[in-house]
Amino acid sequence: MPHLIIEYAAPLAQDIDMQTLVEAAFNGAKATDLFDPAAIKARAHPVDAYWIGDAKQSFTHINIKLLPGRTNVQKKALSQSVFDAVTALLDADVAVSVEVNDLDADVYTKRA
């Protein structure tokens, strides 16, 4: 844990290698020292249909899901570290957002 789920405007893959972006997000989470690196999971999904404001602006949105137990200060540090790592790779005109959500540990099920 955590899961870093990256949604991005599909055309963005023409401008940046998505594996590099996924690794940057991973490294941003790893840099916080909040998690065992072996437990961090990151993946990216292209979005073909989208609209931002009054244009079809390029974007990246990262939803970080983790089990409860971190403080808001820790979650903000995680959000900022991932944000900084990703924005370092993207042009200034790409909208970037990061959110951190606690999973409900009572109903979360997984297999390693």
N, C-alpha and C. Protein backbone atom coordinates (compact mmCIF):
# COMPACT_ATOMS: atom_id res chain seq x y z
N MET A 1 0.87 -1.15 0.00
CA MET A 1 0.00 0.00 0.00
C MET A 1 0.91 1.21 0.00
N PRO A 2 0.77 2.20 -0.70
CA PRO A 2 -0.43 2.72 -1.34
C PRO A 2 -0.57 2.30 -2.81
N HIS A 3 -1.74 2.61 -3.36
CA HIS A 3 -1.97 2.49 -4.79
C HIS A 3 -1.94 3.89 -5.37
N LEU A 4 -1.13 4.10 -6.40
CA LEU A 4 -1.10 5.36 -7.12
C LEU A 4 -1.74 5.11 -8.48
N ILE A 5 -2.92 5.64 -8.68
CA ILE A 5 -3.67 5.41 -9.90
C ILE A 5 -3.66 6.71 -10.70
N ILE A 6 -2.95 6.67 -11.81
CA ILE A 6 -2.76 7.86 -12.63
C ILE A 6 -3.71 7.81 -13.82
N GLU A 7 -4.55 8.83 -13.93
CA GLU A 7 -5.36 9.03 -15.13
C GLU A 7 -4.71 10.17 -15.90
N TYR A 8 -4.65 10.03 -17.22
CA TYR A 8 -4.03 11.10 -18.00
C TYR A 8 -4.72 11.22 -19.35
N ALA A 9 -4.70 12.43 -19.89
CA ALA A 9 -5.24 12.67 -21.23
C ALA A 9 -4.43 11.84 -22.21
N ALA A 10 -5.11 10.97 -22.94
CA ALA A 10 -4.44 10.01 -23.83
C ALA A 10 -3.39 10.64 -24.75
N PRO A 11 -3.64 11.82 -25.34
CA PRO A 11 -2.62 12.40 -26.22
C PRO A 11 -1.31 12.74 -25.51
N LEU A 12 -1.34 12.84 -24.19
CA LEU A 12 -0.13 13.15 -23.44
C LEU A 12 0.96 12.09 -23.65
N ALA A 13 0.55 10.87 -23.97
CA ALA A 13 1.51 9.78 -24.19
C ALA A 13 2.38 10.02 -25.42
N GLN A 14 1.98 10.96 -26.27
CA GLN A 14 2.81 11.32 -27.42
C GLN A 14 3.95 12.24 -27.01
N ASP A 15 3.79 12.89 -25.85
CA ASP A 15 4.78 13.88 -25.40
C ASP A 15 5.71 13.36 -24.31
N ILE A 16 5.29 12.33 -23.59
CA ILE A 16 6.09 11.82 -22.48
C ILE A 16 5.92 10.31 -22.38
N ASP A 17 6.97 9.64 -22.03
CA ASP A 17 6.89 8.20 -21.83
C ASP A 17 6.13 7.94 -20.53
N MET A 18 5.02 7.24 -20.64
CA MET A 18 4.17 7.02 -19.47
C MET A 18 4.86 6.15 -18.41
N GLN A 19 5.72 5.24 -18.80
CA GLN A 19 6.45 4.46 -17.80
C GLN A 19 7.32 5.37 -16.95
N THR A 20 7.92 6.37 -17.57
CA THR A 20 8.73 7.35 -16.83
C THR A 20 7.87 8.13 -15.85
N LEU A 21 6.66 8.51 -16.27
CA LEU A 21 5.75 9.23 -15.39
C LEU A 21 5.32 8.35 -14.21
N VAL A 22 5.01 7.09 -14.48
CA VAL A 22 4.63 6.16 -13.41
C VAL A 22 5.78 6.01 -12.42
N GLU A 23 6.98 5.87 -12.92
CA GLU A 23 8.14 5.72 -12.04
C GLU A 23 8.39 6.98 -11.23
N ALA A 24 8.15 8.14 -11.81
CA ALA A 24 8.30 9.39 -11.07
C ALA A 24 7.31 9.47 -9.92
N ALA A 25 6.06 9.10 -10.18
CA ALA A 25 5.05 9.09 -9.12
C ALA A 25 5.45 8.09 -8.03
N PHE A 26 5.88 6.91 -8.43
CA PHE A 26 6.35 5.89 -7.49
C PHE A 26 7.48 6.46 -6.62
N ASN A 27 8.45 7.09 -7.27
CA ASN A 27 9.59 7.63 -6.53
C ASN A 27 9.19 8.77 -5.61
N GLY A 28 8.17 9.54 -6.01
CA GLY A 28 7.66 10.59 -5.14
C GLY A 28 7.07 10.00 -3.86
N ALA A 29 6.33 8.91 -4.00
CA ALA A 29 5.77 8.24 -2.82
C ALA A 29 6.88 7.63 -1.98
N LYS A 30 7.82 7.01 -2.64
CA LYS A 30 8.94 6.36 -1.93
C LYS A 30 9.76 7.38 -1.14
N ALA A 31 9.93 8.57 -1.67
CA ALA A 31 10.76 9.60 -1.03
C ALA A 31 10.21 10.05 0.31
N THR A 32 8.93 9.81 0.57
CA THR A 32 8.34 10.23 1.85
C THR A 32 8.74 9.32 3.01
N ASP A 33 9.25 8.13 2.71
CA ASP A 33 9.61 7.14 3.73
C ASP A 33 8.41 6.72 4.59
N LEU A 34 7.21 6.85 4.04
CA LEU A 34 6.00 6.43 4.76
C LEU A 34 5.67 4.96 4.50
N PHE A 35 6.29 4.37 3.47
CA PHE A 35 5.91 3.03 3.04
C PHE A 35 7.15 2.20 2.72
N ASP A 36 7.01 0.91 2.86
CA ASP A 36 8.00 -0.02 2.34
C ASP A 36 7.90 0.08 0.80
N PRO A 37 8.98 0.39 0.10
CA PRO A 37 8.90 0.52 -1.35
C PRO A 37 8.29 -0.68 -2.06
N ALA A 38 8.48 -1.88 -1.50
CA ALA A 38 7.91 -3.08 -2.11
C ALA A 38 6.38 -3.07 -2.07
N ALA A 39 5.79 -2.22 -1.23
CA ALA A 39 4.34 -2.19 -1.08
C ALA A 39 3.68 -1.12 -1.96
N ILE A 40 4.47 -0.25 -2.58
CA ILE A 40 3.92 0.82 -3.40
C ILE A 40 3.54 0.26 -4.77
N LYS A 41 2.33 0.56 -5.19
CA LYS A 41 1.84 0.10 -6.50
C LYS A 41 1.42 1.32 -7.31
N ALA A 42 1.93 1.44 -8.52
CA ALA A 42 1.61 2.58 -9.37
C ALA A 42 1.23 2.09 -10.76
N ARG A 43 0.23 2.74 -11.34
CA ARG A 43 -0.22 2.38 -12.68
C ARG A 43 -0.87 3.59 -13.32
N ALA A 44 -0.96 3.54 -14.65
CA ALA A 44 -1.52 4.67 -15.40
C ALA A 44 -2.58 4.19 -16.39
N HIS A 45 -3.61 5.01 -16.53
CA HIS A 45 -4.71 4.71 -17.45
C HIS A 45 -4.97 5.93 -18.32
N PRO A 46 -4.98 5.76 -19.64
CA PRO A 46 -5.30 6.88 -20.52
C PRO A 46 -6.80 7.18 -20.51
N VAL A 47 -7.14 8.43 -20.69
CA VAL A 47 -8.53 8.86 -20.79
C VAL A 47 -8.70 9.50 -22.16
N ASP A 48 -9.61 8.94 -22.95
CA ASP A 48 -9.84 9.45 -24.30
C ASP A 48 -10.83 10.61 -24.33
N ALA A 49 -11.85 10.56 -23.50
CA ALA A 49 -12.90 11.58 -23.50
C ALA A 49 -12.77 12.42 -22.23
N TYR A 50 -12.54 13.72 -22.38
CA TYR A 50 -12.38 14.61 -21.23
C TYR A 50 -12.59 16.05 -21.68
N TRP A 51 -12.84 16.92 -20.72
CA TRP A 51 -12.99 18.35 -20.98
C TRP A 51 -12.64 19.07 -19.70
N ILE A 52 -11.80 20.08 -19.77
CA ILE A 52 -11.39 20.83 -18.59
C ILE A 52 -11.65 22.31 -18.86
N GLY A 53 -12.46 22.92 -18.01
CA GLY A 53 -12.79 24.33 -18.20
C GLY A 53 -13.50 24.53 -19.51
N ASP A 54 -12.89 25.28 -20.41
CA ASP A 54 -13.52 25.52 -21.71
C ASP A 54 -12.68 24.97 -22.87
N ALA A 55 -11.90 23.93 -22.57
CA ALA A 55 -11.02 23.38 -23.61
C ALA A 55 -10.73 21.90 -23.35
N LYS A 56 -10.17 21.27 -24.34
CA LYS A 56 -9.70 19.90 -24.17
C LYS A 56 -8.23 19.97 -23.74
N GLN A 57 -8.03 20.45 -22.53
CA GLN A 57 -6.68 20.65 -21.97
C GLN A 57 -6.10 19.32 -21.51
N SER A 58 -4.82 19.17 -21.73
CA SER A 58 -4.12 17.97 -21.28
C SER A 58 -4.06 17.96 -19.76
N PHE A 59 -4.15 16.76 -19.17
CA PHE A 59 -4.15 16.67 -17.72
C PHE A 59 -3.53 15.36 -17.24
N THR A 60 -3.18 15.37 -15.97
CA THR A 60 -2.79 14.18 -15.22
C THR A 60 -3.42 14.30 -13.84
N HIS A 61 -4.15 13.27 -13.43
CA HIS A 61 -4.74 13.24 -12.09
C HIS A 61 -4.28 11.96 -11.41
N ILE A 62 -3.79 12.09 -10.20
CA ILE A 62 -3.29 10.94 -9.46
C ILE A 62 -4.13 10.76 -8.20
N ASN A 63 -4.75 9.61 -8.12
CA ASN A 63 -5.54 9.24 -6.95
C ASN A 63 -4.69 8.25 -6.14
N ILE A 64 -4.35 8.64 -4.94
CA ILE A 64 -3.54 7.79 -4.06
C ILE A 64 -4.48 7.19 -3.02
N LYS A 65 -4.54 5.87 -3.02
CA LYS A 65 -5.39 5.16 -2.07
C LYS A 65 -4.51 4.42 -1.09
N LEU A 66 -4.80 4.60 0.20
CA LEU A 66 -4.01 3.93 1.22
C LEU A 66 -4.87 3.55 2.41
N LEU A 67 -4.38 2.60 3.17
CA LEU A 67 -5.08 2.20 4.39
C LEU A 67 -4.95 3.31 5.43
N PRO A 68 -5.93 3.45 6.30
CA PRO A 68 -5.91 4.51 7.31
C PRO A 68 -4.70 4.38 8.23
N GLY A 69 -4.36 5.49 8.86
CA GLY A 69 -3.29 5.47 9.85
C GLY A 69 -2.29 6.59 9.69
N ARG A 70 -2.33 7.30 8.55
CA ARG A 70 -1.42 8.42 8.35
C ARG A 70 -2.12 9.71 8.77
N THR A 71 -1.34 10.63 9.29
CA THR A 71 -1.89 11.93 9.67
C THR A 71 -2.12 12.77 8.42
N ASN A 72 -2.88 13.85 8.58
CA ASN A 72 -3.07 14.77 7.46
C ASN A 72 -1.75 15.40 7.03
N VAL A 73 -0.86 15.63 7.96
CA VAL A 73 0.46 16.18 7.63
C VAL A 73 1.22 15.18 6.75
N GLN A 74 1.19 13.91 7.10
CA GLN A 74 1.85 12.88 6.30
C GLN A 74 1.20 12.75 4.92
N LYS A 75 -0.12 12.81 4.87
CA LYS A 75 -0.82 12.70 3.58
C LYS A 75 -0.53 13.91 2.70
N LYS A 76 -0.42 15.09 3.30
CA LYS A 76 -0.08 16.28 2.51
C LYS A 76 1.35 16.16 1.98
N ALA A 77 2.27 15.66 2.80
CA ALA A 77 3.65 15.47 2.34
C ALA A 77 3.69 14.46 1.19
N LEU A 78 2.90 13.41 1.28
CA LEU A 78 2.82 12.42 0.21
C LEU A 78 2.28 13.06 -1.06
N SER A 79 1.18 13.77 -0.95
CA SER A 79 0.58 14.44 -2.09
C SER A 79 1.57 15.40 -2.75
N GLN A 80 2.24 16.20 -1.94
CA GLN A 80 3.18 17.19 -2.48
C GLN A 80 4.39 16.53 -3.13
N SER A 81 4.90 15.47 -2.53
CA SER A 81 6.07 14.78 -3.08
C SER A 81 5.75 14.16 -4.43
N VAL A 82 4.59 13.52 -4.54
CA VAL A 82 4.19 12.93 -5.82
C VAL A 82 3.92 14.03 -6.84
N PHE A 83 3.24 15.09 -6.42
CA PHE A 83 2.97 16.23 -7.30
C PHE A 83 4.27 16.81 -7.85
N ASP A 84 5.23 17.05 -6.98
CA ASP A 84 6.51 17.64 -7.41
C ASP A 84 7.25 16.72 -8.39
N ALA A 85 7.24 15.42 -8.11
CA ALA A 85 7.94 14.47 -8.98
C ALA A 85 7.31 14.43 -10.37
N VAL A 86 6.00 14.49 -10.43
CA VAL A 86 5.30 14.40 -11.72
C VAL A 86 5.38 15.72 -12.49
N THR A 87 5.16 16.84 -11.80
CA THR A 87 5.18 18.13 -12.51
C THR A 87 6.57 18.44 -13.06
N ALA A 88 7.61 17.88 -12.48
CA ALA A 88 8.96 18.09 -13.00
C ALA A 88 9.12 17.54 -14.41
N LEU A 89 8.25 16.60 -14.80
CA LEU A 89 8.33 15.97 -16.12
C LEU A 89 7.38 16.56 -17.15
N LEU A 90 6.41 17.34 -16.69
CA LEU A 90 5.34 17.78 -17.58
C LEU A 90 5.45 19.27 -17.90
N ASP A 91 5.01 19.62 -19.10
CA ASP A 91 4.96 21.02 -19.49
C ASP A 91 4.02 21.79 -18.57
N ALA A 92 4.23 23.08 -18.46
CA ALA A 92 3.45 23.92 -17.56
C ALA A 92 1.97 24.00 -17.95
N ASP A 93 1.64 23.71 -19.20
CA ASP A 93 0.24 23.80 -19.62
C ASP A 93 -0.56 22.53 -19.35
N VAL A 94 0.06 21.52 -18.75
CA VAL A 94 -0.63 20.29 -18.39
C VAL A 94 -1.21 20.46 -16.97
N ALA A 95 -2.52 20.31 -16.84
CA ALA A 95 -3.15 20.38 -15.52
C ALA A 95 -2.74 19.14 -14.72
N VAL A 96 -2.37 19.35 -13.47
CA VAL A 96 -1.94 18.23 -12.61
C VAL A 96 -2.67 18.35 -11.27
N SER A 97 -3.20 17.23 -10.81
CA SER A 97 -3.83 17.18 -9.50
C SER A 97 -3.50 15.85 -8.84
N VAL A 98 -3.46 15.89 -7.50
CA VAL A 98 -3.18 14.70 -6.71
C VAL A 98 -4.16 14.70 -5.53
N GLU A 99 -4.79 13.56 -5.28
CA GLU A 99 -5.64 13.42 -4.11
C GLU A 99 -5.23 12.18 -3.34
N VAL A 100 -5.45 12.21 -2.03
CA VAL A 100 -5.13 11.08 -1.17
C VAL A 100 -6.42 10.64 -0.49
N ASN A 101 -6.76 9.36 -0.62
CA ASN A 101 -7.99 8.82 -0.05
C ASN A 101 -7.68 7.60 0.81
N ASP A 102 -8.27 7.59 2.00
CA ASP A 102 -8.15 6.42 2.86
C ASP A 102 -9.14 5.35 2.42
N LEU A 103 -8.67 4.12 2.32
CA LEU A 103 -9.54 2.98 2.05
C LEU A 103 -10.22 2.55 3.35
N ASP A 104 -11.32 1.88 3.25
CA ASP A 104 -11.98 1.29 4.41
C ASP A 104 -11.33 -0.06 4.68
N ALA A 105 -10.50 -0.14 5.70
CA ALA A 105 -9.75 -1.35 6.00
C ALA A 105 -10.65 -2.55 6.28
N ASP A 106 -11.86 -2.31 6.75
CA ASP A 106 -12.77 -3.41 7.07
C ASP A 106 -13.29 -4.12 5.83
N VAL A 107 -13.27 -3.46 4.69
CA VAL A 107 -13.82 -4.07 3.49
C VAL A 107 -12.78 -4.21 2.38
N TYR A 108 -11.56 -3.80 2.61
CA TYR A 108 -10.51 -3.93 1.62
C TYR A 108 -9.99 -5.36 1.62
N THR A 109 -9.93 -5.97 0.45
CA THR A 109 -9.46 -7.35 0.32
C THR A 109 -8.39 -7.38 -0.77
N LYS A 110 -7.35 -8.17 -0.56
CA LYS A 110 -6.31 -8.25 -1.60
C LYS A 110 -5.59 -9.59 -1.53
N ARG A 111 -4.90 -9.87 -2.60
CA ARG A 111 -3.98 -10.99 -2.66
C ARG A 111 -2.66 -10.41 -3.11
N ALA A 112 -1.59 -10.79 -2.43
CA ALA A 112 -0.27 -10.23 -2.72
C ALA A 112 0.02 -10.34 -4.18
